Amino acid sequence: MDFLELVKSRYSVRAYKDRPVEPDKLERVLEAARLAPSGSNRQPWKFVVVRDPEVRRKLVPACSDQVFVGQAPVVIAGVGLVPDRVMRCGVPGDPIDLAIALEHIALAAAAEGLGTCWIGAFYQEQVREVLGIPESAKVVELMTLGYPADTLRPKTRKPMSEVVCYDRWE
């Protein structure tokens, strides 16, 4: 599958099969995150890979009661290690760096026949407590991972003319 076909086929999975993710596939997906670029190559992250069913179950209320979070065989917490760092452009660095790494995870997972879903609806302190994350770090995003039990719905996207302009803002 070429890259654009992979991107077109990737979607937010909210139902997972009761099937574990093979260790070699999980390792390749995590390697994609490890290799992701980051500002000044700081790699200011840690990924908490949750496979334990009991821990995943405890994440459900911390994730606004999204039941599929507990059903996915893997949940990955992307944690920023330098939450106060701001890039020269005025944008916080950890969320940008982690977004790049987590999207590498999402695309690598799709290439492996796995599905993912970005989880932004969570309570920072509750997730921190469940996963034992120190106060010095910040959970930027959670991502579920596993074999999809649902199917791709047609994607609706704005036309290119609404999202791209050339040379100057239009």
N, C-alpha and C. Protein backbone atom coordinates (compact mmCIF):
# COMPACT_ATOMS: atom_id res chain seq x y z
N MET A 1 0.85 -1.17 0.00
CA MET A 1 0.00 0.00 0.00
C MET A 1 0.90 1.24 0.00
N ASP A 2 0.61 2.17 -0.89
CA ASP A 2 1.42 3.39 -0.90
C ASP A 2 0.99 4.29 0.26
N PHE A 3 1.78 5.32 0.53
CA PHE A 3 1.58 6.14 1.71
C PHE A 3 0.22 6.82 1.73
N LEU A 4 -0.21 7.43 0.63
CA LEU A 4 -1.51 8.12 0.63
C LEU A 4 -2.66 7.14 0.85
N GLU A 5 -2.54 5.94 0.32
CA GLU A 5 -3.58 4.93 0.57
C GLU A 5 -3.62 4.56 2.05
N LEU A 6 -2.45 4.46 2.67
CA LEU A 6 -2.37 4.18 4.10
C LEU A 6 -3.06 5.30 4.89
N VAL A 7 -2.76 6.54 4.55
CA VAL A 7 -3.38 7.68 5.23
C VAL A 7 -4.89 7.67 5.03
N LYS A 8 -5.34 7.36 3.83
CA LYS A 8 -6.77 7.32 3.56
C LYS A 8 -7.46 6.20 4.35
N SER A 9 -6.76 5.11 4.59
CA SER A 9 -7.37 3.97 5.26
C SER A 9 -7.37 4.09 6.78
N ARG A 10 -6.55 4.97 7.33
CA ARG A 10 -6.46 5.13 8.78
C ARG A 10 -7.68 5.89 9.29
N TYR A 11 -8.28 5.39 10.36
CA TYR A 11 -9.43 6.06 10.96
C TYR A 11 -9.41 5.86 12.48
N SER A 12 -10.25 6.58 13.18
CA SER A 12 -10.32 6.48 14.63
C SER A 12 -11.17 5.27 15.01
N VAL A 13 -10.51 4.26 15.55
CA VAL A 13 -11.17 3.00 15.91
C VAL A 13 -11.73 3.13 17.32
N ARG A 14 -13.01 2.82 17.47
CA ARG A 14 -13.64 2.91 18.78
C ARG A 14 -14.28 1.59 19.20
N ALA A 15 -13.91 0.51 18.52
CA ALA A 15 -14.33 -0.85 18.90
C ALA A 15 -13.20 -1.79 18.51
N TYR A 16 -12.80 -2.61 19.45
CA TYR A 16 -11.64 -3.49 19.24
C TYR A 16 -12.00 -4.95 19.45
N LYS A 17 -11.36 -5.80 18.67
CA LYS A 17 -11.50 -7.24 18.84
C LYS A 17 -10.78 -7.66 20.12
N ASP A 18 -11.29 -8.71 20.71
CA ASP A 18 -10.65 -9.27 21.91
C ASP A 18 -9.50 -10.16 21.44
N ARG A 19 -8.47 -9.51 20.96
CA ARG A 19 -7.31 -10.20 20.39
C ARG A 19 -6.06 -9.40 20.76
N PRO A 20 -5.10 -10.03 21.38
CA PRO A 20 -3.89 -9.28 21.76
C PRO A 20 -3.08 -8.85 20.54
N VAL A 21 -2.34 -7.79 20.73
CA VAL A 21 -1.41 -7.32 19.69
C VAL A 21 -0.12 -8.11 19.86
N GLU A 22 0.34 -8.72 18.78
CA GLU A 22 1.55 -9.52 18.82
C GLU A 22 2.74 -8.64 19.23
N PRO A 23 3.65 -9.17 20.08
CA PRO A 23 4.79 -8.38 20.55
C PRO A 23 5.64 -7.79 19.43
N ASP A 24 5.84 -8.51 18.33
CA ASP A 24 6.67 -7.97 17.25
C ASP A 24 5.99 -6.79 16.56
N LYS A 25 4.65 -6.84 16.43
CA LYS A 25 3.93 -5.70 15.84
C LYS A 25 3.99 -4.50 16.77
N LEU A 26 3.77 -4.74 18.06
CA LEU A 26 3.83 -3.65 19.03
C LEU A 26 5.22 -3.02 19.03
N GLU A 27 6.24 -3.83 18.95
CA GLU A 27 7.62 -3.32 18.93
C GLU A 27 7.87 -2.44 17.70
N ARG A 28 7.37 -2.86 16.54
CA ARG A 28 7.55 -2.04 15.33
C ARG A 28 6.80 -0.71 15.43
N VAL A 29 5.61 -0.75 16.01
CA VAL A 29 4.83 0.48 16.18
C VAL A 29 5.55 1.42 17.14
N LEU A 30 6.08 0.90 18.23
CA LEU A 30 6.80 1.73 19.18
C LEU A 30 8.12 2.24 18.60
N GLU A 31 8.74 1.45 17.75
CA GLU A 31 9.97 1.89 17.09
C GLU A 31 9.70 3.10 16.21
N ALA A 32 8.53 3.13 15.58
CA ALA A 32 8.16 4.28 14.75
C ALA A 32 8.10 5.55 15.60
N ALA A 33 7.60 5.43 16.83
CA ALA A 33 7.57 6.59 17.74
C ALA A 33 8.97 6.97 18.17
N ARG A 34 9.78 6.00 18.49
CA ARG A 34 11.15 6.27 18.94
C ARG A 34 11.94 7.01 17.88
N LEU A 35 11.67 6.72 16.62
CA LEU A 35 12.40 7.33 15.51
C LEU A 35 11.83 8.67 15.06
N ALA A 36 10.71 9.07 15.64
CA ALA A 36 10.06 10.32 15.23
C ALA A 36 10.96 11.52 15.52
N PRO A 37 10.87 12.54 14.68
CA PRO A 37 11.66 13.75 14.94
C PRO A 37 11.09 14.54 16.12
N SER A 38 11.96 15.31 16.73
CA SER A 38 11.55 16.20 17.81
C SER A 38 12.44 17.43 17.77
N GLY A 39 11.97 18.52 18.35
CA GLY A 39 12.72 19.76 18.34
C GLY A 39 14.11 19.58 18.94
N SER A 40 15.14 19.96 18.18
CA SER A 40 16.54 19.80 18.59
C SER A 40 16.88 18.36 18.98
N ASN A 41 16.11 17.42 18.48
CA ASN A 41 16.28 15.99 18.77
C ASN A 41 16.29 15.72 20.28
N ARG A 42 15.51 16.48 21.03
CA ARG A 42 15.46 16.32 22.49
C ARG A 42 14.78 15.02 22.91
N GLN A 43 13.83 14.56 22.11
CA GLN A 43 13.05 13.37 22.43
C GLN A 43 12.50 13.49 23.86
N PRO A 44 11.73 14.55 24.11
CA PRO A 44 11.28 14.87 25.46
C PRO A 44 10.04 14.08 25.86
N TRP A 45 10.10 12.78 25.74
CA TRP A 45 8.90 11.97 25.93
C TRP A 45 9.19 10.66 26.61
N LYS A 46 8.13 10.08 27.09
CA LYS A 46 8.11 8.70 27.55
C LYS A 46 6.75 8.17 27.16
N PHE A 47 6.72 6.92 26.75
CA PHE A 47 5.47 6.28 26.36
C PHE A 47 5.15 5.18 27.37
N VAL A 48 4.03 5.30 28.04
CA VAL A 48 3.59 4.28 28.98
C VAL A 48 2.66 3.36 28.20
N VAL A 49 3.09 2.12 27.99
CA VAL A 49 2.34 1.15 27.21
C VAL A 49 1.56 0.27 28.18
N VAL A 50 0.24 0.41 28.15
CA VAL A 50 -0.62 -0.28 29.10
C VAL A 50 -1.26 -1.49 28.42
N ARG A 51 -0.88 -2.67 28.90
CA ARG A 51 -1.46 -3.91 28.39
C ARG A 51 -2.31 -4.63 29.43
N ASP A 52 -2.05 -4.35 30.70
CA ASP A 52 -2.75 -5.00 31.80
C ASP A 52 -4.24 -4.63 31.78
N PRO A 53 -5.12 -5.63 31.67
CA PRO A 53 -6.57 -5.34 31.58
C PRO A 53 -7.11 -4.54 32.77
N GLU A 54 -6.58 -4.80 33.95
CA GLU A 54 -7.06 -4.09 35.14
C GLU A 54 -6.68 -2.62 35.08
N VAL A 55 -5.48 -2.32 34.64
CA VAL A 55 -5.05 -0.93 34.52
C VAL A 55 -5.87 -0.24 33.43
N ARG A 56 -6.09 -0.92 32.32
CA ARG A 56 -6.91 -0.33 31.25
C ARG A 56 -8.33 -0.04 31.75
N ARG A 57 -8.87 -0.94 32.55
CA ARG A 57 -10.20 -0.75 33.12
C ARG A 57 -10.22 0.51 34.00
N LYS A 58 -9.16 0.73 34.76
CA LYS A 58 -9.08 1.92 35.62
C LYS A 58 -8.96 3.21 34.81
N LEU A 59 -8.49 3.11 33.60
CA LEU A 59 -8.38 4.30 32.75
C LEU A 59 -9.73 4.77 32.21
N VAL A 60 -10.73 3.88 32.16
CA VAL A 60 -12.03 4.25 31.58
C VAL A 60 -12.64 5.47 32.26
N PRO A 61 -12.82 5.47 33.60
CA PRO A 61 -13.39 6.68 34.21
C PRO A 61 -12.49 7.90 34.06
N ALA A 62 -11.18 7.68 33.99
CA ALA A 62 -10.23 8.78 33.80
C ALA A 62 -10.31 9.34 32.39
N CYS A 63 -10.94 8.59 31.49
CA CYS A 63 -11.09 8.99 30.08
C CYS A 63 -12.56 9.25 29.77
N SER A 64 -13.23 9.96 30.65
CA SER A 64 -14.62 10.37 30.44
C SER A 64 -15.54 9.19 30.15
N ASP A 65 -15.27 8.06 30.77
CA ASP A 65 -16.10 6.86 30.65
C ASP A 65 -16.21 6.34 29.21
N GLN A 66 -15.18 6.52 28.43
CA GLN A 66 -15.15 5.95 27.08
C GLN A 66 -14.79 4.47 27.20
N VAL A 67 -15.79 3.61 27.11
CA VAL A 67 -15.64 2.19 27.39
C VAL A 67 -14.59 1.53 26.50
N PHE A 68 -14.48 1.96 25.25
CA PHE A 68 -13.54 1.31 24.33
C PHE A 68 -12.09 1.46 24.78
N VAL A 69 -11.81 2.45 25.63
CA VAL A 69 -10.45 2.60 26.16
C VAL A 69 -10.07 1.35 26.96
N GLY A 70 -11.00 0.82 27.71
CA GLY A 70 -10.74 -0.40 28.48
C GLY A 70 -10.79 -1.65 27.64
N GLN A 71 -11.43 -1.59 26.48
CA GLN A 71 -11.55 -2.77 25.62
C GLN A 71 -10.37 -2.94 24.69
N ALA A 72 -9.70 -1.86 24.36
CA ALA A 72 -8.53 -1.95 23.47
C ALA A 72 -7.45 -2.76 24.18
N PRO A 73 -6.77 -3.66 23.48
CA PRO A 73 -5.75 -4.47 24.13
C PRO A 73 -4.52 -3.68 24.58
N VAL A 74 -4.33 -2.48 24.02
CA VAL A 74 -3.20 -1.64 24.38
C VAL A 74 -3.67 -0.18 24.45
N VAL A 75 -3.21 0.53 25.46
CA VAL A 75 -3.39 1.97 25.53
C VAL A 75 -2.00 2.56 25.73
N ILE A 76 -1.67 3.55 24.93
CA ILE A 76 -0.35 4.19 25.03
C ILE A 76 -0.55 5.62 25.51
N ALA A 77 0.12 5.96 26.60
CA ALA A 77 0.11 7.33 27.10
C ALA A 77 1.37 8.03 26.60
N GLY A 78 1.18 9.11 25.88
CA GLY A 78 2.31 9.94 25.45
C GLY A 78 2.55 11.01 26.50
N VAL A 79 3.69 10.94 27.15
CA VAL A 79 3.97 11.81 28.29
C VAL A 79 5.12 12.76 27.96
N GLY A 80 4.88 14.04 28.17
CA GLY A 80 5.90 15.06 27.95
C GLY A 80 6.75 15.23 29.19
N LEU A 81 8.06 15.24 29.01
CA LEU A 81 8.98 15.33 30.14
C LEU A 81 9.42 16.75 30.45
N VAL A 82 9.16 17.69 29.53
CA VAL A 82 9.55 19.09 29.72
C VAL A 82 8.32 19.97 29.45
N PRO A 83 7.29 19.87 30.30
CA PRO A 83 6.03 20.53 29.99
C PRO A 83 6.08 22.05 29.93
N ASP A 84 7.08 22.66 30.50
CA ASP A 84 7.16 24.13 30.48
C ASP A 84 7.96 24.68 29.32
N ARG A 85 8.54 23.82 28.51
CA ARG A 85 9.37 24.28 27.39
C ARG A 85 8.48 24.91 26.31
N VAL A 86 8.87 26.10 25.89
CA VAL A 86 8.16 26.80 24.82
C VAL A 86 9.18 27.03 23.70
N MET A 87 8.78 26.69 22.51
CA MET A 87 9.65 26.90 21.36
C MET A 87 9.78 28.39 21.07
N ARG A 88 10.79 28.78 20.34
CA ARG A 88 11.04 30.18 20.00
C ARG A 88 9.80 30.83 19.38
N CYS A 89 9.01 30.06 18.66
CA CYS A 89 7.81 30.59 18.00
C CYS A 89 6.65 30.84 18.98
N GLY A 90 6.84 30.51 20.25
CA GLY A 90 5.82 30.76 21.25
C GLY A 90 4.85 29.61 21.48
N VAL A 91 5.10 28.46 20.86
CA VAL A 91 4.22 27.30 20.98
C VAL A 91 4.87 26.29 21.93
N PRO A 92 4.10 25.69 22.85
CA PRO A 92 4.68 24.66 23.73
C PRO A 92 5.27 23.51 22.93
N GLY A 93 6.45 23.05 23.35
CA GLY A 93 7.17 22.04 22.58
C GLY A 93 6.69 20.61 22.77
N ASP A 94 6.43 20.19 24.01
CA ASP A 94 6.06 18.80 24.25
C ASP A 94 4.84 18.35 23.44
N PRO A 95 3.75 19.13 23.41
CA PRO A 95 2.59 18.67 22.63
C PRO A 95 2.90 18.49 21.14
N ILE A 96 3.75 19.35 20.60
CA ILE A 96 4.11 19.23 19.19
C ILE A 96 4.94 17.96 18.97
N ASP A 97 5.98 17.80 19.77
CA ASP A 97 6.85 16.63 19.62
C ASP A 97 6.08 15.33 19.82
N LEU A 98 5.21 15.30 20.81
CA LEU A 98 4.45 14.07 21.05
C LEU A 98 3.41 13.83 19.98
N ALA A 99 2.83 14.88 19.42
CA ALA A 99 1.86 14.70 18.33
C ALA A 99 2.54 14.03 17.14
N ILE A 100 3.75 14.45 16.84
CA ILE A 100 4.49 13.83 15.73
C ILE A 100 4.72 12.36 16.02
N ALA A 101 5.21 12.05 17.22
CA ALA A 101 5.51 10.66 17.58
C ALA A 101 4.25 9.80 17.61
N LEU A 102 3.17 10.33 18.15
CA LEU A 102 1.94 9.55 18.22
C LEU A 102 1.32 9.34 16.85
N GLU A 103 1.48 10.29 15.96
CA GLU A 103 0.98 10.06 14.60
C GLU A 103 1.84 9.02 13.89
N HIS A 104 3.13 8.98 14.21
CA HIS A 104 3.96 7.88 13.70
C HIS A 104 3.40 6.55 14.18
N ILE A 105 2.98 6.50 15.45
CA ILE A 105 2.37 5.28 15.99
C ILE A 105 1.10 4.95 15.22
N ALA A 106 0.23 5.94 15.00
CA ALA A 106 -1.04 5.69 14.32
C ALA A 106 -0.82 5.15 12.91
N LEU A 107 0.12 5.72 12.18
CA LEU A 107 0.37 5.27 10.80
C LEU A 107 1.08 3.93 10.77
N ALA A 108 2.03 3.72 11.67
CA ALA A 108 2.70 2.42 11.74
C ALA A 108 1.70 1.33 12.11
N ALA A 109 0.79 1.64 13.02
CA ALA A 109 -0.25 0.68 13.40
C ALA A 109 -1.12 0.32 12.20
N ALA A 110 -1.53 1.33 11.44
CA ALA A 110 -2.36 1.06 10.26
C ALA A 110 -1.61 0.18 9.27
N ALA A 111 -0.31 0.39 9.12
CA ALA A 111 0.49 -0.44 8.21
C ALA A 111 0.56 -1.88 8.70
N GLU A 112 0.38 -2.09 9.99
CA GLU A 112 0.42 -3.44 10.59
C GLU A 112 -0.96 -4.08 10.65
N GLY A 113 -1.99 -3.39 10.13
CA GLY A 113 -3.35 -3.93 10.20
C GLY A 113 -4.03 -3.65 11.53
N LEU A 114 -3.48 -2.73 12.30
CA LEU A 114 -4.03 -2.38 13.60
C LEU A 114 -4.75 -1.03 13.51
N GLY A 115 -5.58 -0.75 14.49
CA GLY A 115 -6.27 0.52 14.55
C GLY A 115 -5.89 1.29 15.80
N THR A 116 -6.12 2.59 15.75
CA THR A 116 -5.82 3.48 16.88
C THR A 116 -6.92 4.52 17.01
N CYS A 117 -6.91 5.18 18.16
CA CYS A 117 -7.78 6.34 18.35
C CYS A 117 -7.07 7.29 19.31
N TRP A 118 -6.98 8.54 18.89
CA TRP A 118 -6.44 9.59 19.75
C TRP A 118 -7.45 9.86 20.86
N ILE A 119 -7.00 9.91 22.10
CA ILE A 119 -7.88 10.20 23.23
C ILE A 119 -7.41 11.49 23.89
N GLY A 120 -8.20 12.53 23.72
CA GLY A 120 -7.90 13.80 24.36
C GLY A 120 -8.88 14.10 25.49
N ALA A 121 -9.96 13.34 25.55
CA ALA A 121 -10.96 13.53 26.60
C ALA A 121 -10.57 12.68 27.81
N PHE A 122 -9.65 13.23 28.60
CA PHE A 122 -9.23 12.53 29.82
C PHE A 122 -8.92 13.56 30.89
N TYR A 123 -8.89 13.08 32.12
CA TYR A 123 -8.59 13.93 33.26
C TYR A 123 -7.13 13.70 33.65
N GLN A 124 -6.33 14.74 33.48
CA GLN A 124 -4.89 14.67 33.68
C GLN A 124 -4.51 14.01 35.01
N GLU A 125 -5.08 14.50 36.09
CA GLU A 125 -4.68 13.99 37.41
C GLU A 125 -5.09 12.54 37.61
N GLN A 126 -6.25 12.15 37.09
CA GLN A 126 -6.69 10.76 37.23
C GLN A 126 -5.79 9.82 36.44
N VAL A 127 -5.47 10.19 35.20
CA VAL A 127 -4.58 9.34 34.39
C VAL A 127 -3.21 9.28 35.04
N ARG A 128 -2.73 10.41 35.50
CA ARG A 128 -1.42 10.46 36.17
C ARG A 128 -1.40 9.49 37.36
N GLU A 129 -2.48 9.49 38.15
CA GLU A 129 -2.56 8.61 39.32
C GLU A 129 -2.60 7.14 38.92
N VAL A 130 -3.45 6.80 37.95
CA VAL A 130 -3.58 5.40 37.52
C VAL A 130 -2.25 4.86 37.00
N LEU A 131 -1.50 5.69 36.26
CA LEU A 131 -0.27 5.22 35.63
C LEU A 131 1.00 5.55 36.43
N GLY A 132 0.86 6.23 37.55
CA GLY A 132 2.02 6.53 38.38
C GLY A 132 2.96 7.55 37.75
N ILE A 133 2.41 8.48 37.02
CA ILE A 133 3.22 9.49 36.32
C ILE A 133 3.52 10.63 37.29
N PRO A 134 4.79 11.03 37.39
CA PRO A 134 5.15 12.08 38.35
C PRO A 134 4.60 13.45 37.97
N GLU A 135 4.52 14.33 38.95
CA GLU A 135 4.03 15.70 38.75
C GLU A 135 4.91 16.48 37.78
N SER A 136 6.16 16.09 37.65
CA SER A 136 7.10 16.82 36.79
C SER A 136 6.84 16.58 35.30
N ALA A 137 5.98 15.61 34.99
CA ALA A 137 5.67 15.27 33.59
C ALA A 137 4.19 15.55 33.34
N LYS A 138 3.82 15.58 32.06
CA LYS A 138 2.42 15.85 31.72
C LYS A 138 1.96 14.89 30.63
N VAL A 139 0.80 14.26 30.86
CA VAL A 139 0.21 13.40 29.85
C VAL A 139 -0.34 14.31 28.76
N VAL A 140 0.19 14.15 27.55
CA VAL A 140 -0.23 14.99 26.43
C VAL A 140 -1.40 14.34 25.70
N GLU A 141 -1.35 13.03 25.55
CA GLU A 141 -2.37 12.33 24.78
C GLU A 141 -2.34 10.86 25.15
N LEU A 142 -3.49 10.20 25.00
CA LEU A 142 -3.58 8.75 25.10
C LEU A 142 -3.98 8.23 23.73
N MET A 143 -3.56 7.01 23.43
CA MET A 143 -3.93 6.40 22.16
C MET A 143 -4.25 4.93 22.39
N THR A 144 -5.43 4.51 21.94
CA THR A 144 -5.78 3.09 22.00
C THR A 144 -5.16 2.40 20.79
N LEU A 145 -4.94 1.10 20.93
CA LEU A 145 -4.29 0.33 19.86
C LEU A 145 -4.80 -1.11 19.90
N GLY A 146 -5.16 -1.63 18.75
CA GLY A 146 -5.59 -3.02 18.67
C GLY A 146 -6.20 -3.32 17.30
N TYR A 147 -6.77 -4.51 17.19
CA TYR A 147 -7.41 -4.93 15.95
C TYR A 147 -8.83 -4.36 15.90
N PRO A 148 -9.16 -3.62 14.85
CA PRO A 148 -10.50 -3.01 14.77
C PRO A 148 -11.62 -4.05 14.72
N ALA A 149 -12.70 -3.75 15.45
CA ALA A 149 -13.92 -4.56 15.39
C ALA A 149 -15.00 -3.79 14.65
N ASP A 150 -14.69 -2.58 14.22
CA ASP A 150 -15.64 -1.79 13.43
C ASP A 150 -15.05 -1.59 12.04
N THR A 151 -15.70 -0.80 11.22
CA THR A 151 -15.21 -0.60 9.86
C THR A 151 -15.06 0.88 9.55
N LEU A 152 -14.20 1.15 8.61
CA LEU A 152 -13.96 2.51 8.16
C LEU A 152 -15.24 3.14 7.64
N ARG A 153 -15.53 4.32 8.16
CA ARG A 153 -16.65 5.10 7.66
C ARG A 153 -16.08 6.08 6.65
N PRO A 154 -16.88 6.51 5.70
CA PRO A 154 -16.36 7.48 4.73
C PRO A 154 -15.83 8.72 5.43
N LYS A 155 -14.66 9.17 4.99
CA LYS A 155 -14.07 10.37 5.57
C LYS A 155 -14.64 11.59 4.88
N THR A 156 -14.96 12.58 5.68
CA THR A 156 -15.36 13.86 5.11
C THR A 156 -14.28 14.86 5.46
N ARG A 157 -13.78 15.52 4.48
CA ARG A 157 -12.73 16.52 4.67
C ARG A 157 -13.08 17.75 3.85
N LYS A 158 -12.65 18.88 4.35
CA LYS A 158 -12.84 20.12 3.59
C LYS A 158 -12.06 20.02 2.29
N PRO A 159 -12.50 20.75 1.27
CA PRO A 159 -11.74 20.73 0.02
C PRO A 159 -10.38 21.43 0.22
N MET A 160 -9.43 21.05 -0.58
CA MET A 160 -8.08 21.61 -0.51
C MET A 160 -8.10 23.13 -0.53
N SER A 161 -8.98 23.71 -1.33
CA SER A 161 -9.03 25.17 -1.45
C SER A 161 -9.39 25.87 -0.13
N GLU A 162 -10.02 25.16 0.80
CA GLU A 162 -10.38 25.75 2.09
C GLU A 162 -9.27 25.63 3.12
N VAL A 163 -8.32 24.75 2.90
CA VAL A 163 -7.31 24.52 3.92
C VAL A 163 -5.89 24.87 3.48
N VAL A 164 -5.71 25.18 2.21
CA VAL A 164 -4.37 25.50 1.70
C VAL A 164 -4.41 26.82 0.96
N CYS A 165 -3.41 27.65 1.21
CA CYS A 165 -3.19 28.84 0.40
C CYS A 165 -1.69 28.92 0.12
N TYR A 166 -1.35 29.58 -0.94
CA TYR A 166 0.05 29.63 -1.37
C TYR A 166 0.62 31.03 -1.23
N ASP A 167 1.81 31.10 -0.73
CA ASP A 167 2.63 32.30 -0.63
C ASP A 167 2.15 33.32 0.42
N ARG A 168 0.85 33.50 0.58
CA ARG A 168 0.34 34.43 1.58
C ARG A 168 -1.04 33.95 2.06
N TRP A 169 -1.41 34.39 3.24
CA TRP A 169 -2.72 34.06 3.79
C TRP A 169 -3.81 34.62 2.88
N GLU A 170 -4.80 33.82 2.61
CA GLU A 170 -5.93 34.27 1.79
C GLU A 170 -7.20 34.21 2.60
